[in-house]
Amino acid sequence: MPLIEELEIARTIDCHALALGLRRLRDHPNLYLSINMSARSIGYHKWTDILSKALQRTPSIGKRLILEITEGSAMRLPEIVIPFMRELSQRGVGFALDDFGSGATSFRYLKDFQFDFLKIDGQFIKDVEHNADHQVLVHALLSIGRHFGMYTIAKAVETSATSAWLKKSGVICQQGYFFGRPTLRLDWPGTEIA
């Protein structure tokens, strides 16, 4: 995605991902879903139109939707992202700061964003149980998340040893190949990706 972030095709991908995700939320009322997006899509009329129409048709979708924005994307356009988040938070939409720790965060904006979830970048998670530098960084990122009231998630968890170390350190929510690989066939009926 970093290679196409500046191109129109990235907006098209965001539109398709959003439309597909919102359709799944509409069709499965017990489903909670997190959808990746670029901050640039906030200013893309087609993307905002898809989101707005879905929330108008089915307002309950908002409480089951989390929009994930990468750290780099959010920090590039805080003047657009912050008001967008405030508006949608009032409609129940949650927000996750993805790849936290991978870029140059402006901490003065971090409190203004009011993300609900903080996703620690996978580069700090891999073999964290054996890497003292990564351990210090993960503890620091956890502390930041707790201070700002964000639920912290570790990405790229690949082994039981890594998962155990993270759990012992207070990271309750984890994602990665240890739990499941990307697939087109999901574990519950009627959710095949077409």
Protein backbone atom coordinates (compact mmCIF):
# COMPACT_ATOMS: atom_id res chain seq x y z
CA MET A 1 0.00 0.00 0.00
CA PRO A 2 2.76 2.57 0.65
CA LEU A 3 3.67 2.36 -3.05
CA ILE A 4 0.19 3.42 -4.18
CA GLU A 5 -0.88 5.66 -1.29
CA GLU A 6 -0.60 8.79 -3.45
CA LEU A 7 -2.41 7.27 -6.45
CA GLU A 8 -6.10 7.20 -7.36
CA ILE A 9 -6.11 3.39 -7.23
CA ALA A 10 -5.61 3.55 -3.45
CA ARG A 11 -8.88 5.48 -3.13
CA THR A 12 -10.61 2.88 -5.31
CA ILE A 13 -9.28 0.06 -3.10
CA ASP A 14 -10.50 1.92 0.01
CA CYS A 15 -13.96 2.31 -1.60
CA HIS A 16 -14.22 -1.39 -2.43
CA ALA A 17 -13.00 -2.48 1.01
CA LEU A 18 -15.43 -0.12 2.74
CA ALA A 19 -18.40 -1.16 0.58
CA LEU A 20 -17.67 -4.86 1.11
CA GLY A 21 -17.22 -4.44 4.86
CA LEU A 22 -20.37 -2.36 5.29
CA ARG A 23 -22.36 -4.94 3.32
CA ARG A 24 -21.09 -7.66 5.68
CA LEU A 25 -22.05 -5.57 8.72
CA ARG A 26 -25.52 -4.99 7.28
CA ASP A 27 -26.04 -8.69 6.53
CA HIS A 28 -24.59 -9.99 9.82
CA PRO A 29 -25.96 -7.99 12.79
CA ASN A 30 -23.68 -9.75 15.31
CA LEU A 31 -20.50 -9.00 13.36
CA TYR A 32 -17.94 -6.39 14.42
CA LEU A 33 -15.49 -5.38 11.72
CA SER A 34 -12.34 -3.33 11.39
CA ILE A 35 -11.64 -1.80 7.97
CA ASN A 36 -8.35 -0.23 6.90
CA MET A 37 -8.43 3.17 5.25
CA SER A 38 -6.16 5.99 4.22
CA ALA A 39 -6.63 9.46 5.68
CA ARG A 40 -6.67 10.65 2.06
CA SER A 41 -9.99 8.85 1.55
CA ILE A 42 -11.68 11.27 3.94
CA GLY A 43 -11.56 13.88 1.18
CA TYR A 44 -12.61 11.43 -1.54
CA HIS A 45 -16.30 12.01 -2.28
CA LYS A 46 -17.11 8.46 -3.40
CA TRP A 47 -15.65 6.94 -0.21
CA THR A 48 -17.42 9.36 2.15
CA ASP A 49 -20.66 8.88 0.20
CA ILE A 50 -20.48 5.07 0.63
CA LEU A 51 -19.93 5.48 4.38
CA SER A 52 -22.57 8.17 4.86
CA LYS A 53 -25.29 6.28 2.97
CA ALA A 54 -24.61 3.04 4.87
CA LEU A 55 -24.80 4.82 8.23
CA GLN A 56 -28.04 6.54 7.21
CA ARG A 57 -29.64 3.28 6.02
CA THR A 58 -28.46 1.20 8.98
CA PRO A 59 -27.36 3.41 11.89
CA SER A 60 -26.54 0.38 14.08
CA ILE A 61 -23.59 -0.39 11.78
CA GLY A 62 -21.64 2.50 13.34
CA LYS A 63 -21.36 0.78 16.71
CA ARG A 64 -19.89 -2.32 15.05
CA LEU A 65 -17.44 -0.55 12.73
CA ILE A 66 -13.82 0.31 13.45
CA LEU A 67 -11.86 2.33 10.91
CA GLU A 68 -8.10 1.72 10.98
CA ILE A 69 -5.82 4.57 9.93
CA THR A 70 -2.06 4.07 9.75
CA GLU A 71 0.08 6.28 11.92
CA GLY A 72 1.82 7.78 8.89
CA SER A 73 -1.44 8.57 7.12
CA ALA A 74 -3.07 10.16 10.18
CA MET A 75 -0.03 12.29 11.04
CA ARG A 76 0.18 13.68 7.51
CA LEU A 77 -3.35 15.13 7.62
CA PRO A 78 -4.33 15.79 11.26
CA GLU A 79 -6.40 18.85 10.34
CA ILE A 80 -8.69 16.58 8.29
CA VAL A 81 -8.55 13.40 10.37
CA ILE A 82 -9.35 14.93 13.78
CA PRO A 83 -12.72 16.53 12.84
CA PHE A 84 -13.65 13.45 10.78
CA MET A 85 -13.06 11.20 13.79
CA ARG A 86 -15.01 13.47 16.13
CA GLU A 87 -18.00 13.50 13.81
CA LEU A 88 -18.09 9.73 13.27
CA SER A 89 -17.39 8.92 16.92
CA GLN A 90 -20.73 10.56 17.69
CA ARG A 91 -22.32 7.95 15.41
CA GLY A 92 -20.63 5.12 17.30
CA VAL A 93 -17.76 4.43 14.88
CA GLY A 94 -14.51 3.37 16.55
CA PHE A 95 -11.01 4.26 15.37
CA ALA A 96 -7.74 2.37 15.49
CA LEU A 97 -4.27 3.87 15.07
CA ASP A 98 -2.53 1.22 12.96
CA ASP A 99 1.22 0.54 12.82
CA PHE A 100 1.88 2.62 15.94
CA GLY A 101 5.58 3.13 16.51
CA SER A 102 6.52 2.78 12.84
CA GLY A 103 6.54 6.46 11.97
CA ALA A 104 7.16 9.89 13.36
CA THR A 105 4.23 10.48 15.68
CA SER A 106 3.53 14.02 16.68
CA PHE A 107 2.59 13.46 20.30
CA ARG A 108 0.87 16.83 20.46
CA TYR A 109 -1.75 15.45 18.05
CA LEU A 110 -2.08 12.06 19.73
CA LYS A 111 -4.38 13.34 22.45
CA ASP A 112 -6.44 15.29 19.91
CA PHE A 113 -7.10 12.26 17.72
CA GLN A 114 -8.76 10.27 20.51
CA PHE A 115 -8.23 6.86 18.94
CA ASP A 116 -10.04 3.98 20.64
CA PHE A 117 -7.45 1.36 19.69
CA LEU A 118 -3.69 1.47 19.35
CA LYS A 119 -2.14 -1.26 17.19
CA ILE A 120 1.56 -1.77 17.94
CA ASP A 121 3.58 -2.16 14.75
CA GLY A 122 4.67 -5.75 14.08
CA GLN A 123 8.36 -4.86 13.80
CA PHE A 124 8.46 -4.56 17.60
CA ILE A 125 6.47 -7.74 18.20
CA LYS A 126 8.49 -10.30 16.26
CA ASP A 127 10.64 -12.24 18.76
CA VAL A 128 9.89 -9.65 21.46
CA GLU A 129 10.37 -12.32 24.12
CA HIS A 130 14.09 -12.47 23.17
CA ASN A 131 14.75 -8.83 22.30
CA ALA A 132 15.30 -6.46 25.24
CA ASP A 133 15.12 -3.35 23.02
CA HIS A 134 11.73 -4.40 21.64
CA GLN A 135 10.51 -5.19 25.15
CA VAL A 136 11.30 -1.65 26.31
CA LEU A 137 9.57 -0.19 23.26
CA VAL A 138 6.47 -2.38 23.66
CA HIS A 139 6.19 -1.38 27.34
CA ALA A 140 6.53 2.29 26.37
CA LEU A 141 3.85 1.98 23.66
CA LEU A 142 1.56 0.17 26.10
CA SER A 143 2.06 2.97 28.60
CA ILE A 144 1.15 5.58 25.99
CA GLY A 145 -1.97 3.63 25.05
CA ARG A 146 -3.07 3.30 28.67
CA HIS A 147 -2.45 6.97 29.38
CA PHE A 148 -4.67 8.05 26.49
CA GLY A 149 -7.34 5.43 27.26
CA MET A 150 -6.70 3.33 24.15
CA TYR A 151 -7.19 -0.40 23.97
CA THR A 152 -3.83 -1.80 22.80
CA ILE A 153 -3.46 -4.53 20.18
CA ALA A 154 -0.22 -6.30 19.18
CA LYS A 155 0.18 -7.08 15.48
CA ALA A 156 2.23 -9.81 13.77
CA VAL A 157 2.05 -12.35 16.58
CA GLU A 158 3.48 -15.53 15.07
CA THR A 159 4.40 -17.85 17.96
CA SER A 160 3.01 -19.06 21.26
CA ALA A 161 6.11 -17.71 23.04
CA THR A 162 5.52 -14.21 21.66
CA SER A 163 1.84 -14.41 22.54
CA ALA A 164 2.63 -15.52 26.11
CA TRP A 165 5.16 -12.71 26.63
CA LEU A 166 2.66 -10.13 25.35
CA LYS A 167 -0.13 -11.46 27.55
CA LYS A 168 2.16 -11.41 30.60
CA SER A 169 3.06 -7.80 29.74
CA GLY A 170 -0.59 -6.75 29.61
CA VAL A 171 -1.40 -7.00 25.90
CA ILE A 172 -4.71 -8.81 25.87
CA CYS A 173 -5.67 -8.39 22.23
CA GLN A 174 -3.33 -9.86 19.63
CA GLN A 175 -3.46 -10.60 15.91
CA GLY A 176 -1.20 -12.48 13.54
CA TYR A 177 -0.45 -15.81 11.91
CA PHE A 178 -0.39 -17.53 15.31
CA PHE A 179 -4.17 -17.04 15.41
CA GLY A 180 -4.99 -17.36 11.72
CA ARG A 181 -3.71 -16.70 8.24
CA PRO A 182 -5.50 -14.53 5.65
CA THR A 183 -8.24 -16.48 3.92
CA LEU A 184 -11.15 -16.05 1.56
CA ARG A 185 -13.25 -18.58 3.52
CA LEU A 186 -14.21 -17.41 6.97
CA ASP A 187 -15.25 -19.65 9.83
CA TRP A 188 -18.88 -18.63 10.01
CA PRO A 189 -21.57 -19.42 7.42
CA GLY A 190 -22.48 -16.92 4.72
CA THR A 191 -19.39 -14.76 5.00
CA GLU A 192 -17.39 -16.00 2.03
CA ILE A 193 -15.66 -13.13 0.30
CA ALA A 194 -16.87 -12.74 -3.26
